[in-house]
Amino acid sequence: MESGPMIFAGMVLALFGGALLVWTAVRVGHREPVAQGVSPVASAALALLASCAAVAVGVWCLARL
């Protein structure tokens, strides 16, 4: 019963992190801004950090099962 929410949270975080990672890579690859009005390097670094953190927490949730 308790593993259901952890599976859901792990999958949501892993999918969100993966999608954000792919989206950031595509934007940087096309030399387009990741966020409007922010330094391109800072926005790409922050998006990369957030996506890696989401994937890591998602994997941690799934590993705790």
PDB file of N, CA and C in Angstrom:
ATOM      1  N   MET A   1       0.812  -1.189   0.000  1.00  0.00           N
ATOM      2  CA  MET A   1       0.000   0.000   0.000  1.00  0.00           C
ATOM      3  C   MET A   1       0.860   1.259   0.000  1.00  0.00           C
ATOM      4  N   GLU A   2       1.951   1.266   0.749  1.00  0.00           N
ATOM      5  CA  GLU A   2       2.791   2.448   0.825  1.00  0.00           C
ATOM      6  C   GLU A   2       3.689   2.608  -0.391  1.00  0.00           C
ATOM      7  N   SER A   3       3.874   1.557  -1.159  1.00  0.00           N
ATOM      8  CA  SER A   3       4.783   1.662  -2.304  1.00  0.00           C
ATOM      9  C   SER A   3       4.130   2.350  -3.504  1.00  0.00           C
ATOM     10  N   GLY A   4       2.811   2.407  -3.544  1.00  0.00           N
ATOM     11  CA  GLY A   4       2.116   3.044  -4.670  1.00  0.00           C
ATOM     12  C   GLY A   4       2.477   4.503  -4.851  1.00  0.00           C
ATOM     13  N   PRO A   5       2.359   5.328  -3.802  1.00  0.00           N
ATOM     14  CA  PRO A   5       2.731   6.735  -3.962  1.00  0.00           C
ATOM     15  C   PRO A   5       4.213   6.937  -4.272  1.00  0.00           C
ATOM     16  N   MET A   6       5.067   6.065  -3.740  1.00  0.00           N
ATOM     17  CA  MET A   6       6.495   6.210  -4.013  1.00  0.00           C
ATOM     18  C   MET A   6       6.802   5.867  -5.467  1.00  0.00           C
ATOM     19  N   ILE A   7       6.133   4.872  -6.007  1.00  0.00           N
ATOM     20  CA  ILE A   7       6.318   4.531  -7.420  1.00  0.00           C
ATOM     21  C   ILE A   7       5.850   5.689  -8.293  1.00  0.00           C
ATOM     22  N   PHE A   8       4.681   6.236  -7.955  1.00  0.00           N
ATOM     23  CA  PHE A   8       4.145   7.360  -8.726  1.00  0.00           C
ATOM     24  C   PHE A   8       5.088   8.563  -8.666  1.00  0.00           C
ATOM     25  N   ALA A   9       5.519   8.929  -7.473  1.00  0.00           N
ATOM     26  CA  ALA A   9       6.407  10.076  -7.316  1.00  0.00           C
ATOM     27  C   ALA A   9       7.736   9.845  -8.032  1.00  0.00           C
ATOM     28  N   GLY A  10       8.288   8.650  -7.916  1.00  0.00           N
ATOM     29  CA  GLY A  10       9.550   8.344  -8.586  1.00  0.00           C
ATOM     30  C   GLY A  10       9.437   8.440 -10.092  1.00  0.00           C
ATOM     31  N   MET A  11       8.349   7.920 -10.643  1.00  0.00           N
ATOM     32  CA  MET A  11       8.171   7.972 -12.092  1.00  0.00           C
ATOM     33  C   MET A  11       7.934   9.398 -12.575  1.00  0.00           C
ATOM     34  N   VAL A  12       7.132  10.170 -11.835  1.00  0.00           N
ATOM     35  CA  VAL A  12       6.871  11.554 -12.237  1.00  0.00           C
ATOM     36  C   VAL A  12       8.159  12.369 -12.208  1.00  0.00           C
ATOM     37  N   LEU A  13       8.931  12.240 -11.147  1.00  0.00           N
ATOM     38  CA  LEU A  13      10.173  12.993 -11.037  1.00  0.00           C
ATOM     39  C   LEU A  13      11.179  12.568 -12.105  1.00  0.00           C
ATOM     40  N   ALA A  14      11.297  11.272 -12.332  1.00  0.00           N
ATOM     41  CA  ALA A  14      12.249  10.799 -13.341  1.00  0.00           C
ATOM     42  C   ALA A  14      11.846  11.259 -14.745  1.00  0.00           C
ATOM     43  N   LEU A  15      10.556  11.177 -15.065  1.00  0.00           N
ATOM     44  CA  LEU A  15      10.100  11.613 -16.384  1.00  0.00           C
ATOM     45  C   LEU A  15      10.233  13.125 -16.554  1.00  0.00           C
ATOM     46  N   PHE A  16       9.890  13.881 -15.518  1.00  0.00           N
ATOM     47  CA  PHE A  16      10.035  15.336 -15.595  1.00  0.00           C
ATOM     48  C   PHE A  16      11.498  15.722 -15.764  1.00  0.00           C
ATOM     49  N   GLY A  17      12.368  15.137 -14.968  1.00  0.00           N
ATOM     50  CA  GLY A  17      13.787  15.439 -15.064  1.00  0.00           C
ATOM     51  C   GLY A  17      14.365  15.076 -16.415  1.00  0.00           C
ATOM     52  N   GLY A  18      13.976  13.921 -16.934  1.00  0.00           N
ATOM     53  CA  GLY A  18      14.455  13.509 -18.250  1.00  0.00           C
ATOM     54  C   GLY A  18      13.964  14.427 -19.355  1.00  0.00           C
ATOM     55  N   ALA A  19      12.690  14.814 -19.286  1.00  0.00           N
ATOM     56  CA  ALA A  19      12.138  15.712 -20.299  1.00  0.00           C
ATOM     57  C   ALA A  19      12.796  17.092 -20.230  1.00  0.00           C
ATOM     58  N   LEU A  20      13.026  17.590 -19.018  1.00  0.00           N
ATOM     59  CA  LEU A  20      13.696  18.883 -18.864  1.00  0.00           C
ATOM     60  C   LEU A  20      15.133  18.812 -19.371  1.00  0.00           C
ATOM     61  N   LEU A  21      15.791  17.697 -19.143  1.00  0.00           N
ATOM     62  CA  LEU A  21      17.161  17.519 -19.621  1.00  0.00           C
ATOM     63  C   LEU A  21      17.207  17.519 -21.148  1.00  0.00           C
ATOM     64  N   VAL A  22      16.295  16.803 -21.781  1.00  0.00           N
ATOM     65  CA  VAL A  22      16.245  16.754 -23.247  1.00  0.00           C
ATOM     66  C   VAL A  22      15.898  18.128 -23.813  1.00  0.00           C
ATOM     67  N   TRP A  23      14.905  18.804 -23.210  1.00  0.00           N
ATOM     68  CA  TRP A  23      14.494  20.114 -23.694  1.00  0.00           C
ATOM     69  C   TRP A  23      15.638  21.119 -23.586  1.00  0.00           C
ATOM     70  N   THR A  24      16.346  21.092 -22.483  1.00  0.00           N
ATOM     71  CA  THR A  24      17.480  22.005 -22.298  1.00  0.00           C
ATOM     72  C   THR A  24      18.578  21.711 -23.316  1.00  0.00           C
ATOM     73  N   ALA A  25      18.849  20.448 -23.546  1.00  0.00           N
ATOM     74  CA  ALA A  25      19.888  20.082 -24.518  1.00  0.00           C
ATOM     75  C   ALA A  25      19.512  20.537 -25.925  1.00  0.00           C
ATOM     76  N   VAL A  26      18.247  20.413 -26.288  1.00  0.00           N
ATOM     77  CA  VAL A  26      17.811  20.852 -27.614  1.00  0.00           C
ATOM     78  C   VAL A  26      17.926  22.368 -27.744  1.00  0.00           C
ATOM     79  N   ARG A  27      17.490  23.096 -26.705  1.00  0.00           N
ATOM     80  CA  ARG A  27      17.572  24.560 -26.747  1.00  0.00           C
ATOM     81  C   ARG A  27      19.020  25.032 -26.833  1.00  0.00           C
ATOM     82  N   VAL A  28      19.896  24.422 -26.051  1.00  0.00           N
ATOM     83  CA  VAL A  28      21.308  24.809 -26.080  1.00  0.00           C
ATOM     84  C   VAL A  28      21.934  24.413 -27.415  1.00  0.00           C
ATOM     85  N   GLY A  29      21.541  23.259 -27.931  1.00  0.00           N
ATOM     86  CA  GLY A  29      22.077  22.813 -29.224  1.00  0.00           C
ATOM     87  C   GLY A  29      21.700  23.725 -30.370  1.00  0.00           C
ATOM     88  N   HIS A  30      20.523  24.330 -30.305  1.00  0.00           N
ATOM     89  CA  HIS A  30      20.086  25.257 -31.350  1.00  0.00           C
ATOM     90  C   HIS A  30      20.484  26.700 -31.055  1.00  0.00           C
ATOM     91  N   ARG A  31      21.230  26.891 -29.978  1.00  0.00           N
ATOM     92  CA  ARG A  31      21.694  28.215 -29.546  1.00  0.00           C
ATOM     93  C   ARG A  31      20.512  29.164 -29.299  1.00  0.00           C
ATOM     94  N   GLU A  32      19.436  28.621 -28.727  1.00  0.00           N
ATOM     95  CA  GLU A  32      18.267  29.413 -28.356  1.00  0.00           C
ATOM     96  C   GLU A  32      18.278  29.601 -26.842  1.00  0.00           C
ATOM     97  N   PRO A  33      17.651  30.660 -26.344  1.00  0.00           N
ATOM     98  CA  PRO A  33      17.655  30.875 -24.898  1.00  0.00           C
ATOM     99  C   PRO A  33      16.811  29.840 -24.158  1.00  0.00           C
ATOM    100  N   VAL A  34      17.278  29.439 -23.017  1.00  0.00           N
ATOM    101  CA  VAL A  34      16.529  28.500 -22.188  1.00  0.00           C
ATOM    102  C   VAL A  34      15.459  29.251 -21.412  1.00  0.00           C
ATOM    103  N   ALA A  35      15.746  30.475 -20.981  1.00  0.00           N
ATOM    104  CA  ALA A  35      14.790  31.336 -20.292  1.00  0.00           C
ATOM    105  C   ALA A  35      14.948  32.762 -20.829  1.00  0.00           C
ATOM    106  N   GLN A  36      13.841  33.452 -20.981  1.00  0.00           N
ATOM    107  CA  GLN A  36      13.880  34.808 -21.509  1.00  0.00           C
ATOM    108  C   GLN A  36      14.393  35.780 -20.450  1.00  0.00           C
ATOM    109  N   GLY A  37      15.249  36.681 -20.849  1.00  0.00           N
ATOM    110  CA  GLY A  37      15.717  37.742 -19.983  1.00  0.00           C
ATOM    111  C   GLY A  37      16.762  37.335 -18.963  1.00  0.00           C
ATOM    112  N   VAL A  38      17.346  36.160 -19.116  1.00  0.00           N
ATOM    113  CA  VAL A  38      18.354  35.666 -18.182  1.00  0.00           C
ATOM    114  C   VAL A  38      19.588  35.302 -18.997  1.00  0.00           C
ATOM    115  N   SER A  39      20.730  35.337 -18.355  1.00  0.00           N
ATOM    116  CA  SER A  39      21.963  34.942 -19.024  1.00  0.00           C
ATOM    117  C   SER A  39      21.828  33.512 -19.568  1.00  0.00           C
ATOM    118  N   PRO A  40      22.205  33.279 -20.824  1.00  0.00           N
ATOM    119  CA  PRO A  40      22.070  31.940 -21.400  1.00  0.00           C
ATOM    120  C   PRO A  40      22.845  30.874 -20.633  1.00  0.00           C
ATOM    121  N   VAL A  41      24.013  31.227 -20.152  1.00  0.00           N
ATOM    122  CA  VAL A  41      24.820  30.249 -19.414  1.00  0.00           C
ATOM    123  C   VAL A  41      24.180  29.935 -18.069  1.00  0.00           C
ATOM    124  N   ALA A  42      23.708  30.967 -17.379  1.00  0.00           N
ATOM    125  CA  ALA A  42      23.094  30.767 -16.069  1.00  0.00           C
ATOM    126  C   ALA A  42      21.794  29.970 -16.176  1.00  0.00           C
ATOM    127  N   SER A  43      20.965  30.289 -17.170  1.00  0.00           N
ATOM    128  CA  SER A  43      19.701  29.576 -17.308  1.00  0.00           C
ATOM    129  C   SER A  43      19.914  28.117 -17.705  1.00  0.00           C
ATOM    130  N   ALA A  44      20.888  27.863 -18.571  1.00  0.00           N
ATOM    131  CA  ALA A  44      21.174  26.482 -18.956  1.00  0.00           C
ATOM    132  C   ALA A  44      21.742  25.698 -17.781  1.00  0.00           C
ATOM    133  N   ALA A  45      22.598  26.332 -17.004  1.00  0.00           N
ATOM    134  CA  ALA A  45      23.174  25.649 -15.843  1.00  0.00           C
ATOM    135  C   ALA A  45      22.112  25.351 -14.795  1.00  0.00           C
ATOM    136  N   LEU A  46      21.216  26.299 -14.539  1.00  0.00           N
ATOM    137  CA  LEU A  46      20.159  26.078 -13.557  1.00  0.00           C
ATOM    138  C   LEU A  46      19.185  25.001 -14.021  1.00  0.00           C
ATOM    139  N   ALA A  47      18.829  25.004 -15.307  1.00  0.00           N
ATOM    140  CA  ALA A  47      17.941  23.970 -15.834  1.00  0.00           C
ATOM    141  C   ALA A  47      18.614  22.600 -15.779  1.00  0.00           C
ATOM    142  N   LEU A  48      19.897  22.553 -16.061  1.00  0.00           N
ATOM    143  CA  LEU A  48      20.634  21.290 -15.982  1.00  0.00           C
ATOM    144  C   LEU A  48      20.683  20.781 -14.547  1.00  0.00           C
ATOM    145  N   LEU A  49      20.924  21.679 -13.613  1.00  0.00           N
ATOM    146  CA  LEU A  49      20.962  21.298 -12.203  1.00  0.00           C
ATOM    147  C   LEU A  49      19.601  20.800 -11.729  1.00  0.00           C
ATOM    148  N   ALA A  50      18.535  21.484 -12.110  1.00  0.00           N
ATOM    149  CA  ALA A  50      17.190  21.077 -11.698  1.00  0.00           C
ATOM    150  C   ALA A  50      16.799  19.737 -12.313  1.00  0.00           C
ATOM    151  N   SER A  51      17.158  19.514 -13.567  1.00  0.00           N
ATOM    152  CA  SER A  51      16.812  18.248 -14.203  1.00  0.00           C
ATOM    153  C   SER A  51      17.589  17.082 -13.597  1.00  0.00           C
ATOM    154  N   CYS A  52      18.857  17.295 -13.311  1.00  0.00           N
ATOM    155  CA  CYS A  52      19.647  16.230 -12.682  1.00  0.00           C
ATOM    156  C   CYS A  52      19.147  15.932 -11.269  1.00  0.00           C
ATOM    157  N   ALA A  53      18.739  16.965 -10.546  1.00  0.00           N
ATOM    158  CA  ALA A  53      18.201  16.762  -9.207  1.00  0.00           C
ATOM    159  C   ALA A  53      16.883  15.992  -9.259  1.00  0.00           C
ATOM    160  N   ALA A  54      16.019  16.312 -10.218  1.00  0.00           N
ATOM    161  CA  ALA A  54      14.744  15.609 -10.341  1.00  0.00           C
ATOM    162  C   ALA A  54      14.961  14.141 -10.707  1.00  0.00           C
ATOM    163  N   VAL A  55      15.871  13.889 -11.622  1.00  0.00           N
ATOM    164  CA  VAL A  55      16.165  12.495 -11.993  1.00  0.00           C
ATOM    165  C   VAL A  55      16.755  11.745 -10.800  1.00  0.00           C
ATOM    166  N   ALA A  56      17.649  12.384 -10.071  1.00  0.00           N
ATOM    167  CA  ALA A  56      18.269  11.726  -8.920  1.00  0.00           C
ATOM    168  C   ALA A  56      17.245  11.400  -7.837  1.00  0.00           C
ATOM    169  N   VAL A  57      16.339  12.315  -7.551  1.00  0.00           N
ATOM    170  CA  VAL A  57      15.313  12.051  -6.534  1.00  0.00           C
ATOM    171  C   VAL A  57      14.346  10.972  -7.032  1.00  0.00           C
ATOM    172  N   GLY A  58      14.025  10.987  -8.308  1.00  0.00           N
ATOM    173  CA  GLY A  58      13.174   9.948  -8.871  1.00  0.00           C
ATOM    174  C   GLY A  58      13.798   8.575  -8.783  1.00  0.00           C
ATOM    175  N   VAL A  59      15.065   8.486  -9.105  1.00  0.00           N
ATOM    176  CA  VAL A  59      15.779   7.203  -9.001  1.00  0.00           C
ATOM    177  C   VAL A  59      15.889   6.770  -7.544  1.00  0.00           C
ATOM    178  N   TRP A  60      16.102   7.727  -6.649  1.00  0.00           N
ATOM    179  CA  TRP A  60      16.182   7.413  -5.219  1.00  0.00           C
ATOM    180  C   TRP A  60      14.845   6.843  -4.736  1.00  0.00           C
ATOM    181  N   CYS A  61      13.744   7.456  -5.154  1.00  0.00           N
ATOM    182  CA  CYS A  61      12.410   6.956  -4.771  1.00  0.00           C
ATOM    183  C   CYS A  61      12.195   5.533  -5.279  1.00  0.00           C
ATOM    184  N   LEU A  62      12.578   5.290  -6.501  1.00  0.00           N
ATOM    185  CA  LEU A  62      12.367   3.964  -7.076  1.00  0.00           C
ATOM    186  C   LEU A  62      13.323   2.927  -6.470  1.00  0.00           C
ATOM    187  N   ALA A  63      14.496   3.364  -6.039  1.00  0.00           N
ATOM    188  CA  ALA A  63      15.463   2.437  -5.454  1.00  0.00           C
ATOM    189  C   ALA A  63      15.064   2.046  -4.037  1.00  0.00           C
ATOM    190  N   ARG A  64      14.253   2.852  -3.370  1.00  0.00           N
ATOM    191  CA  ARG A  64      13.864   2.568  -1.997  1.00  0.00           C
ATOM    192  C   ARG A  64      12.777   1.493  -1.897  1.00  0.00           C
ATOM    193  N   LEU A  65      12.283   1.041  -3.029  1.00  0.00           N
ATOM    194  CA  LEU A  65      11.193   0.037  -3.004  1.00  0.00           C
ATOM    195  C   LEU A  65      11.679  -1.303  -2.567  1.00  0.00           C
TER     196      LEU A  65
END
